[in-house]
PDB file of N, CA and C in Angstrom:
ATOM      1  N   MET A   1      51.628  -7.333  -5.997  1.00  0.00           N
ATOM      2  CA  MET A   1      50.729  -6.264  -5.647  1.00  0.00           C
ATOM      3  C   MET A   1      51.017  -5.086  -6.587  1.00  0.00           C
ATOM      4  N   ASN A   2      49.979  -4.583  -7.219  1.00  0.00           N
ATOM      5  CA  ASN A   2      50.150  -3.406  -8.084  1.00  0.00           C
ATOM      6  C   ASN A   2      49.825  -2.137  -7.287  1.00  0.00           C
ATOM      7  N   LYS A   3      49.943  -0.986  -7.942  1.00  0.00           N
ATOM      8  CA  LYS A   3      49.768   0.286  -7.238  1.00  0.00           C
ATOM      9  C   LYS A   3      48.355   0.442  -6.674  1.00  0.00           C
ATOM     10  N   THR A   4      47.347   0.039  -7.425  1.00  0.00           N
ATOM     11  CA  THR A   4      45.964   0.144  -6.953  1.00  0.00           C
ATOM     12  C   THR A   4      45.747  -0.704  -5.703  1.00  0.00           C
ATOM     13  N   GLU A   5      46.260  -1.924  -5.709  1.00  0.00           N
ATOM     14  CA  GLU A   5      46.138  -2.798  -4.542  1.00  0.00           C
ATOM     15  C   GLU A   5      46.909  -2.224  -3.356  1.00  0.00           C
ATOM     16  N   PHE A   6      48.067  -1.617  -3.639  1.00  0.00           N
ATOM     17  CA  PHE A   6      48.860  -0.990  -2.590  1.00  0.00           C
ATOM     18  C   PHE A   6      48.097   0.166  -1.949  1.00  0.00           C
ATOM     19  N   ILE A   7      47.468   0.988  -2.766  1.00  0.00           N
ATOM     20  CA  ILE A   7      46.673   2.117  -2.263  1.00  0.00           C
ATOM     21  C   ILE A   7      45.525   1.615  -1.396  1.00  0.00           C
ATOM     22  N   GLU A   8      44.860   0.553  -1.829  1.00  0.00           N
ATOM     23  CA  GLU A   8      43.769  -0.017  -1.036  1.00  0.00           C
ATOM     24  C   GLU A   8      44.277  -0.530   0.309  1.00  0.00           C
ATOM     25  N   ALA A   9      45.449  -1.179   0.314  1.00  0.00           N
ATOM     26  CA  ALA A   9      46.022  -1.700   1.558  1.00  0.00           C
ATOM     27  C   ALA A   9      46.402  -0.559   2.496  1.00  0.00           C
ATOM     28  N   VAL A  10      46.973   0.512   1.957  1.00  0.00           N
ATOM     29  CA  VAL A  10      47.326   1.679   2.774  1.00  0.00           C
ATOM     30  C   VAL A  10      46.064   2.292   3.366  1.00  0.00           C
ATOM     31  N   ALA A  11      45.017   2.394   2.560  1.00  0.00           N
ATOM     32  CA  ALA A  11      43.748   2.960   3.048  1.00  0.00           C
ATOM     33  C   ALA A  11      43.195   2.139   4.203  1.00  0.00           C
ATOM     34  N   MET A  12      43.235   0.821   4.076  1.00  0.00           N
ATOM     35  CA  MET A  12      42.710  -0.047   5.130  1.00  0.00           C
ATOM     36  C   MET A  12      43.560   0.039   6.396  1.00  0.00           C
ATOM     37  N   LYS A  13      44.887   0.003   6.249  1.00  0.00           N
ATOM     38  CA  LYS A  13      45.791   0.026   7.405  1.00  0.00           C
ATOM     39  C   LYS A  13      45.760   1.349   8.151  1.00  0.00           C
ATOM     40  N   SER A  14      45.569   2.448   7.427  1.00  0.00           N
ATOM     41  CA  SER A  14      45.678   3.769   8.039  1.00  0.00           C
ATOM     42  C   SER A  14      44.328   4.418   8.317  1.00  0.00           C
ATOM     43  N   ASP A  15      43.255   3.717   7.987  1.00  0.00           N
ATOM     44  CA  ASP A  15      41.903   4.237   8.186  1.00  0.00           C
ATOM     45  C   ASP A  15      41.688   5.547   7.420  1.00  0.00           C
ATOM     46  N   LEU A  16      42.262   5.607   6.214  1.00  0.00           N
ATOM     47  CA  LEU A  16      42.066   6.739   5.308  1.00  0.00           C
ATOM     48  C   LEU A  16      41.096   6.339   4.211  1.00  0.00           C
ATOM     49  N   THR A  17      40.536   7.320   3.545  1.00  0.00           N
ATOM     50  CA  THR A  17      39.737   7.013   2.363  1.00  0.00           C
ATOM     51  C   THR A  17      40.708   6.614   1.257  1.00  0.00           C
ATOM     52  N   LYS A  18      40.201   5.940   0.242  1.00  0.00           N
ATOM     53  CA  LYS A  18      41.061   5.550  -0.877  1.00  0.00           C
ATOM     54  C   LYS A  18      41.633   6.783  -1.563  1.00  0.00           C
ATOM     55  N   ALA A  19      40.846   7.856  -1.642  1.00  0.00           N
ATOM     56  CA  ALA A  19      41.316   9.085  -2.285  1.00  0.00           C
ATOM     57  C   ALA A  19      42.481   9.689  -1.498  1.00  0.00           C
ATOM     58  N   ASP A  20      42.373   9.715  -0.166  1.00  0.00           N
ATOM     59  CA  ASP A  20      43.453  10.251   0.656  1.00  0.00           C
ATOM     60  C   ASP A  20      44.685   9.351   0.616  1.00  0.00           C
ATOM     61  N   ALA A  21      44.464   8.047   0.616  1.00  0.00           N
ATOM     62  CA  ALA A  21      45.586   7.106   0.531  1.00  0.00           C
ATOM     63  C   ALA A  21      46.301   7.251  -0.809  1.00  0.00           C
ATOM     64  N   LYS A  22      45.529   7.471  -1.867  1.00  0.00           N
ATOM     65  CA  LYS A  22      46.129   7.656  -3.193  1.00  0.00           C
ATOM     66  C   LYS A  22      46.995   8.913  -3.211  1.00  0.00           C
ATOM     67  N   LYS A  23      46.513   9.992  -2.600  1.00  0.00           N
ATOM     68  CA  LYS A  23      47.298  11.226  -2.520  1.00  0.00           C
ATOM     69  C   LYS A  23      48.596  10.987  -1.753  1.00  0.00           C
ATOM     70  N   ALA A  24      48.499  10.261  -0.649  1.00  0.00           N
ATOM     71  CA  ALA A  24      49.681   9.988   0.176  1.00  0.00           C
ATOM     72  C   ALA A  24      50.691   9.124  -0.575  1.00  0.00           C
ATOM     73  N   VAL A  25      50.233   8.081  -1.230  1.00  0.00           N
ATOM     74  CA  VAL A  25      51.135   7.191  -1.976  1.00  0.00           C
ATOM     75  C   VAL A  25      51.779   7.941  -3.139  1.00  0.00           C
ATOM     76  N   ASN A  26      50.990   8.731  -3.853  1.00  0.00           N
ATOM     77  CA  ASN A  26      51.538   9.498  -4.973  1.00  0.00           C
ATOM     78  C   ASN A  26      52.557  10.530  -4.485  1.00  0.00           C
ATOM     79  N   ALA A  27      52.285  11.171  -3.347  1.00  0.00           N
ATOM     80  CA  ALA A  27      53.220  12.136  -2.791  1.00  0.00           C
ATOM     81  C   ALA A  27      54.521  11.444  -2.382  1.00  0.00           C
ATOM     82  N   PHE A  28      54.415  10.281  -1.774  1.00  0.00           N
ATOM     83  CA  PHE A  28      55.584   9.488  -1.387  1.00  0.00           C
ATOM     84  C   PHE A  28      56.445   9.170  -2.612  1.00  0.00           C
ATOM     85  N   CYS A  29      55.809   8.688  -3.659  1.00  0.00           N
ATOM     86  CA  CYS A  29      56.536   8.342  -4.894  1.00  0.00           C
ATOM     87  C   CYS A  29      57.163   9.580  -5.526  1.00  0.00           C
ATOM     88  N   ASP A  30      56.442  10.689  -5.536  1.00  0.00           N
ATOM     89  CA  ASP A  30      56.960  11.934  -6.117  1.00  0.00           C
ATOM     90  C   ASP A  30      58.182  12.440  -5.357  1.00  0.00           C
ATOM     91  N   VAL A  31      58.125  12.409  -4.034  1.00  0.00           N
ATOM     92  CA  VAL A  31      59.235  12.894  -3.218  1.00  0.00           C
ATOM     93  C   VAL A  31      60.482  12.043  -3.467  1.00  0.00           C
ATOM     94  N   ILE A  32      60.313  10.732  -3.526  1.00  0.00           N
ATOM     95  CA  ILE A  32      61.458   9.844  -3.777  1.00  0.00           C
ATOM     96  C   ILE A  32      62.011  10.097  -5.181  1.00  0.00           C
ATOM     97  N   ALA A  33      61.137  10.220  -6.181  1.00  0.00           N
ATOM     98  CA  ALA A  33      61.590  10.451  -7.555  1.00  0.00           C
ATOM     99  C   ALA A  33      62.334  11.776  -7.685  1.00  0.00           C
ATOM    100  N   GLU A  34      61.830  12.819  -7.047  1.00  0.00           N
ATOM    101  CA  GLU A  34      62.496  14.125  -7.096  1.00  0.00           C
ATOM    102  C   GLU A  34      63.873  14.065  -6.446  1.00  0.00           C
ATOM    103  N   ALA A  35      63.979  13.355  -5.337  1.00  0.00           N
ATOM    104  CA  ALA A  35      65.271  13.216  -4.659  1.00  0.00           C
ATOM    105  C   ALA A  35      66.251  12.436  -5.533  1.00  0.00           C
ATOM    106  N   MET A  36      65.780  11.401  -6.193  1.00  0.00           N
ATOM    107  CA  MET A  36      66.648  10.599  -7.061  1.00  0.00           C
ATOM    108  C   MET A  36      67.174  11.434  -8.226  1.00  0.00           C
ATOM    109  N   LYS A  37      66.334  12.313  -8.766  1.00  0.00           N
ATOM    110  CA  LYS A  37      66.758  13.179  -9.872  1.00  0.00           C
ATOM    111  C   LYS A  37      67.850  14.142  -9.439  1.00  0.00           C
ATOM    112  N   LYS A  38      67.880  14.480  -8.136  1.00  0.00           N
ATOM    113  CA  LYS A  38      68.896  15.394  -7.598  1.00  0.00           C
ATOM    114  C   LYS A  38      70.093  14.621  -7.034  1.00  0.00           C
ATOM    115  N   ASP A  39      70.156  13.327  -7.257  1.00  0.00           N
ATOM    116  CA  ASP A  39      71.210  12.460  -6.716  1.00  0.00           C
ATOM    117  C   ASP A  39      71.251  12.460  -5.191  1.00  0.00           C
ATOM    118  N   GLU A  40      70.109  12.669  -4.569  1.00  0.00           N
ATOM    119  CA  GLU A  40      70.029  12.636  -3.112  1.00  0.00           C
ATOM    120  C   GLU A  40      69.678  11.233  -2.646  1.00  0.00           C
ATOM    121  N   ARG A  41      70.089  10.926  -1.450  1.00  0.00           N
ATOM    122  CA  ARG A  41      69.786   9.636  -0.832  1.00  0.00           C
ATOM    123  C   ARG A  41      68.560   9.816   0.064  1.00  0.00           C
ATOM    124  N   VAL A  42      67.636   8.861   0.033  1.00  0.00           N
ATOM    125  CA  VAL A  42      66.446   8.898   0.890  1.00  0.00           C
ATOM    126  C   VAL A  42      66.496   7.680   1.803  1.00  0.00           C
ATOM    127  N   THR A  43      66.594   7.932   3.105  1.00  0.00           N
ATOM    128  CA  THR A  43      66.661   6.846   4.077  1.00  0.00           C
ATOM    129  C   THR A  43      65.405   6.866   4.929  1.00  0.00           C
ATOM    130  N   ILE A  44      64.711   5.747   4.956  1.00  0.00           N
ATOM    131  CA  ILE A  44      63.536   5.575   5.805  1.00  0.00           C
ATOM    132  C   ILE A  44      63.930   4.519   6.834  1.00  0.00           C
ATOM    133  N   ILE A  45      64.220   4.978   8.036  1.00  0.00           N
ATOM    134  CA  ILE A  45      64.733   4.087   9.076  1.00  0.00           C
ATOM    135  C   ILE A  45      63.762   2.944   9.318  1.00  0.00           C
ATOM    136  N   GLY A  46      64.289   1.748   9.330  1.00  0.00           N
ATOM    137  CA  GLY A  46      63.480   0.556   9.524  1.00  0.00           C
ATOM    138  C   GLY A  46      62.937  -0.021   8.233  1.00  0.00           C
ATOM    139  N   PHE A  47      63.049   0.718   7.141  1.00  0.00           N
ATOM    140  CA  PHE A  47      62.555   0.228   5.850  1.00  0.00           C
ATOM    141  C   PHE A  47      63.697   0.044   4.867  1.00  0.00           C
ATOM    142  N   GLY A  48      64.442   1.137   4.569  1.00  0.00           N
ATOM    143  CA  GLY A  48      65.558   1.019   3.648  1.00  0.00           C
ATOM    144  C   GLY A  48      66.002   2.356   3.100  1.00  0.00           C
ATOM    145  N   THR A  49      66.969   2.297   2.176  1.00  0.00           N
ATOM    146  CA  THR A  49      67.562   3.489   1.599  1.00  0.00           C
ATOM    147  C   THR A  49      67.494   3.429   0.076  1.00  0.00           C
ATOM    148  N   PHE A  50      67.015   4.521  -0.507  1.00  0.00           N
ATOM    149  CA  PHE A  50      66.998   4.689  -1.951  1.00  0.00           C
ATOM    150  C   PHE A  50      68.173   5.593  -2.317  1.00  0.00           C
ATOM    151  N   SER A  51      68.942   5.225  -3.332  1.00  0.00           N
ATOM    152  CA  SER A  51      70.053   6.060  -3.779  1.00  0.00           C
ATOM    153  C   SER A  51      70.255   5.841  -5.279  1.00  0.00           C
ATOM    154  N   THR A  52      71.118   6.670  -5.870  1.00  0.00           N
ATOM    155  CA  THR A  52      71.428   6.509  -7.288  1.00  0.00           C
ATOM    156  C   THR A  52      72.849   6.004  -7.438  1.00  0.00           C
ATOM    157  N   THR A  53      73.128   5.368  -8.546  1.00  0.00           N
ATOM    158  CA  THR A  53      74.452   4.864  -8.860  1.00  0.00           C
ATOM    159  C   THR A  53      74.709   5.061 -10.349  1.00  0.00           C
ATOM    160  N   GLU A  54      75.962   5.222 -10.715  1.00  0.00           N
ATOM    161  CA  GLU A  54      76.342   5.381 -12.120  1.00  0.00           C
ATOM    162  C   GLU A  54      76.623   4.012 -12.712  1.00  0.00           C
ATOM    163  N   ARG A  55      76.086   3.768 -13.883  1.00  0.00           N
ATOM    164  CA  ARG A  55      76.415   2.551 -14.629  1.00  0.00           C
ATOM    165  C   ARG A  55      77.310   2.963 -15.782  1.00  0.00           C
ATOM    166  N   ALA A  56      78.460   2.362 -15.890  1.00  0.00           N
ATOM    167  CA  ALA A  56      79.439   2.719 -16.913  1.00  0.00           C
ATOM    168  C   ALA A  56      78.965   2.277 -18.303  1.00  0.00           C
ATOM    169  N   ALA A  57      79.483   2.948 -19.317  1.00  0.00           N
ATOM    170  CA  ALA A  57      79.205   2.541 -20.694  1.00  0.00           C
ATOM    171  C   ALA A  57      79.838   1.169 -20.916  1.00  0.00           C
ATOM    172  N   ARG A  58      79.220   0.380 -21.758  1.00  0.00           N
ATOM    173  CA  ARG A  58      79.744  -0.970 -22.010  1.00  0.00           C
ATOM    174  C   ARG A  58      79.314  -1.459 -23.378  1.00  0.00           C
ATOM    175  N   THR A  59      79.880  -2.558 -23.788  1.00  0.00           N
ATOM    176  CA  THR A  59      79.512  -3.173 -25.058  1.00  0.00           C
ATOM    177  C   THR A  59      78.597  -4.348 -24.762  1.00  0.00           C
ATOM    178  N   GLY A  60      77.488  -4.410 -25.483  1.00  0.00           N
ATOM    179  CA  GLY A  60      76.550  -5.506 -25.324  1.00  0.00           C
ATOM    180  C   GLY A  60      76.353  -6.222 -26.644  1.00  0.00           C
ATOM    181  N   ILE A  61      75.560  -7.260 -26.629  1.00  0.00           N
ATOM    182  CA  ILE A  61      75.263  -8.025 -27.841  1.00  0.00           C
ATOM    183  C   ILE A  61      73.760  -8.047 -28.050  1.00  0.00           C
ATOM    184  N   ASN A  62      73.339  -7.673 -29.252  1.00  0.00           N
ATOM    185  CA  ASN A  62      71.923  -7.735 -29.613  1.00  0.00           C
ATOM    186  C   ASN A  62      71.547  -9.213 -29.712  1.00  0.00           C
ATOM    187  N   PRO A  63      70.613  -9.691 -28.881  1.00  0.00           N
ATOM    188  CA  PRO A  63      70.291 -11.120 -28.887  1.00  0.00           C
ATOM    189  C   PRO A  63      69.620 -11.592 -30.177  1.00  0.00           C
ATOM    190  N   GLN A  64      68.991 -10.691 -30.908  1.00  0.00           N
ATOM    191  CA  GLN A  64      68.325 -11.095 -32.148  1.00  0.00           C
ATOM    192  C   GLN A  64      69.288 -11.241 -33.313  1.00  0.00           C
ATOM    193  N   THR A  65      70.276 -10.324 -33.379  1.00  0.00           N
ATOM    194  CA  THR A  65      71.197 -10.336 -34.521  1.00  0.00           C
ATOM    195  C   THR A  65      72.580 -10.857 -34.161  1.00  0.00           C
ATOM    196  N   GLY A  66      72.932 -10.840 -32.881  1.00  0.00           N
ATOM    197  CA  GLY A  66      74.257 -11.267 -32.461  1.00  0.00           C
ATOM    198  C   GLY A  66      75.318 -10.197 -32.647  1.00  0.00           C
ATOM    199  N   LYS A  67      74.935  -9.023 -33.160  1.00  0.00           N
ATOM    200  CA  LYS A  67      75.893  -7.953 -33.388  1.00  0.00           C
ATOM    201  C   LYS A  67      76.209  -7.231 -32.081  1.00  0.00           C
ATOM    202  N   LYS A  68      77.468  -6.747 -31.987  1.00  0.00           N
ATOM    203  CA  LYS A  68      77.866  -5.974 -30.823  1.00  0.00           C
ATOM    204  C   LYS A  68      77.257  -4.584 -30.929  1.00  0.00           C
ATOM    205  N   MET A  69      76.924  -4.018 -29.766  1.00  0.00           N
ATOM    206  CA  MET A  69      76.344  -2.678 -29.740  1.00  0.00           C
ATOM    207  C   MET A  69      76.854  -1.927 -28.517  1.00  0.00           C
ATOM    208  N   HIS A  70      76.871  -0.617 -28.626  1.00  0.00           N
ATOM    209  CA  HIS A  70      77.319   0.230 -27.523  1.00  0.00           C
ATOM    210  C   HIS A  70      76.125   0.546 -26.624  1.00  0.00           C
ATOM    211  N   ILE A  71      76.321   0.362 -25.324  1.00  0.00           N
ATOM    212  CA  ILE A  71      75.304   0.723 -24.336  1.00  0.00           C
ATOM    213  C   ILE A  71      75.854   1.915 -23.568  1.00  0.00           C
ATOM    214  N   ALA A  72      75.151   3.035 -23.631  1.00  0.00           N
ATOM    215  CA  ALA A  72      75.621   4.282 -23.031  1.00  0.00           C
ATOM    216  C   ALA A  72      75.603   4.219 -21.507  1.00  0.00           C
ATOM    217  N   ALA A  73      76.426   5.055 -20.890  1.00  0.00           N
ATOM    218  CA  ALA A  73      76.438   5.180 -19.429  1.00  0.00           C
ATOM    219  C   ALA A  73      75.114   5.806 -18.992  1.00  0.00           C
ATOM    220  N   ARG A  74      74.676   5.452 -17.792  1.00  0.00           N
ATOM    221  CA  ARG A  74      73.431   6.011 -17.287  1.00  0.00           C
ATOM    222  C   ARG A  74      73.372   5.888 -15.773  1.00  0.00           C
ATOM    223  N   LYS A  75      72.417   6.581 -15.199  1.00  0.00           N
ATOM    224  CA  LYS A  75      72.184   6.489 -13.766  1.00  0.00           C
ATOM    225  C   LYS A  75      71.131   5.420 -13.510  1.00  0.00           C
ATOM    226  N   SER A  76      71.245   4.788 -12.360  1.00  0.00           N
ATOM    227  CA  SER A  76      70.308   3.748 -11.982  1.00  0.00           C
ATOM    228  C   SER A  76      69.910   3.958 -10.524  1.00  0.00           C
ATOM    229  N   VAL A  77      68.731   3.520 -10.157  1.00  0.00           N
ATOM    230  CA  VAL A  77      68.258   3.630  -8.779  1.00  0.00           C
ATOM    231  C   VAL A  77      68.595   2.340  -8.040  1.00  0.00           C
ATOM    232  N   LYS A  78      69.046   2.511  -6.812  1.00  0.00           N
ATOM    233  CA  LYS A  78      69.424   1.366  -5.990  1.00  0.00           C
ATOM    234  C   LYS A  78      68.609   1.428  -4.692  1.00  0.00           C
ATOM    235  N   PHE A  79      68.184   0.275  -4.212  1.00  0.00           N
ATOM    236  CA  PHE A  79      67.469   0.195  -2.939  1.00  0.00           C
ATOM    237  C   PHE A  79      68.192  -0.806  -2.045  1.00  0.00           C
ATOM    238  N   LYS A  80      68.508  -0.369  -0.837  1.00  0.00           N
ATOM    239  CA  LYS A  80      69.127  -1.250   0.146  1.00  0.00           C
ATOM    240  C   LYS A  80      68.161  -1.404   1.303  1.00  0.00           C
ATOM    241  N   PRO A  81      67.644  -2.604   1.531  1.00  0.00           N
ATOM    242  CA  PRO A  81      66.680  -2.796   2.615  1.00  0.00           C
ATOM    243  C   PRO A  81      67.295  -2.538   3.981  1.00  0.00           C
ATOM    244  N   GLY A  82      66.497  -1.983   4.876  1.00  0.00           N
ATOM    245  CA  GLY A  82      66.928  -1.735   6.243  1.00  0.00           C
ATOM    246  C   GLY A  82      66.732  -2.963   7.111  1.00  0.00           C
ATOM    247  N   SER A  83      67.263  -2.904   8.325  1.00  0.00           N
ATOM    248  CA  SER A  83      67.170  -4.047   9.228  1.00  0.00           C
ATOM    249  C   SER A  83      65.737  -4.346   9.639  1.00  0.00           C
ATOM    250  N   GLY A  84      64.857  -3.351   9.587  1.00  0.00           N
ATOM    251  CA  GLY A  84      63.455  -3.562   9.944  1.00  0.00           C
ATOM    252  C   GLY A  84      62.669  -4.295   8.882  1.00  0.00           C
ATOM    253  N   LEU A  85      63.263  -4.452   7.710  1.00  0.00           N
ATOM    254  CA  LEU A  85      62.599  -5.138   6.607  1.00  0.00           C
ATOM    255  C   LEU A  85      63.114  -6.575   6.528  1.00  0.00           C
ATOM    256  N   ASP A  86      62.902  -7.319   7.600  1.00  0.00           N
ATOM    257  CA  ASP A  86      63.362  -8.693   7.693  1.00  0.00           C
ATOM    258  C   ASP A  86      62.271  -9.616   7.152  1.00  0.00           C
ATOM    259  N   LEU A  87      62.536 -10.248   6.017  1.00  0.00           N
ATOM    260  CA  LEU A  87      61.542 -11.108   5.376  1.00  0.00           C
ATOM    261  C   LEU A  87      61.504 -12.523   5.965  1.00  0.00           C
ATOM    262  N   LYS A  88      62.401 -12.819   6.877  1.00  0.00           N
ATOM    263  CA  LYS A  88      62.465 -14.169   7.463  1.00  0.00           C
ATOM    264  C   LYS A  88      61.440 -14.379   8.569  1.00  0.00           C
ATOM    265  N   LYS A  89      60.811 -13.300   9.013  1.00  0.00           N
ATOM    266  CA  LYS A  89      59.837 -13.416  10.122  1.00  0.00           C
ATOM    267  C   LYS A  89      58.574 -14.074   9.675  1.00  0.00           C
TER     268      LYS A  89
END
């Protein structure tokens, strides 16, 4: 499912217009992105938790040339599903 399909599904489920659903989805994404930039954790009970983690610098190998290369440290986003997000149902 891409973002457009997601917006359409939200509009149908919530009885919103597509324009209003698009605003809501974009606001949701913006709020999560802003929190991640501030290293804040976002927990949506029953769905899951978004957080950031540090990835250490490391040495990698360029698959095309086989040469070793340095990969810089960086932040990464992590998602941990909540108990309400049970895919076995």
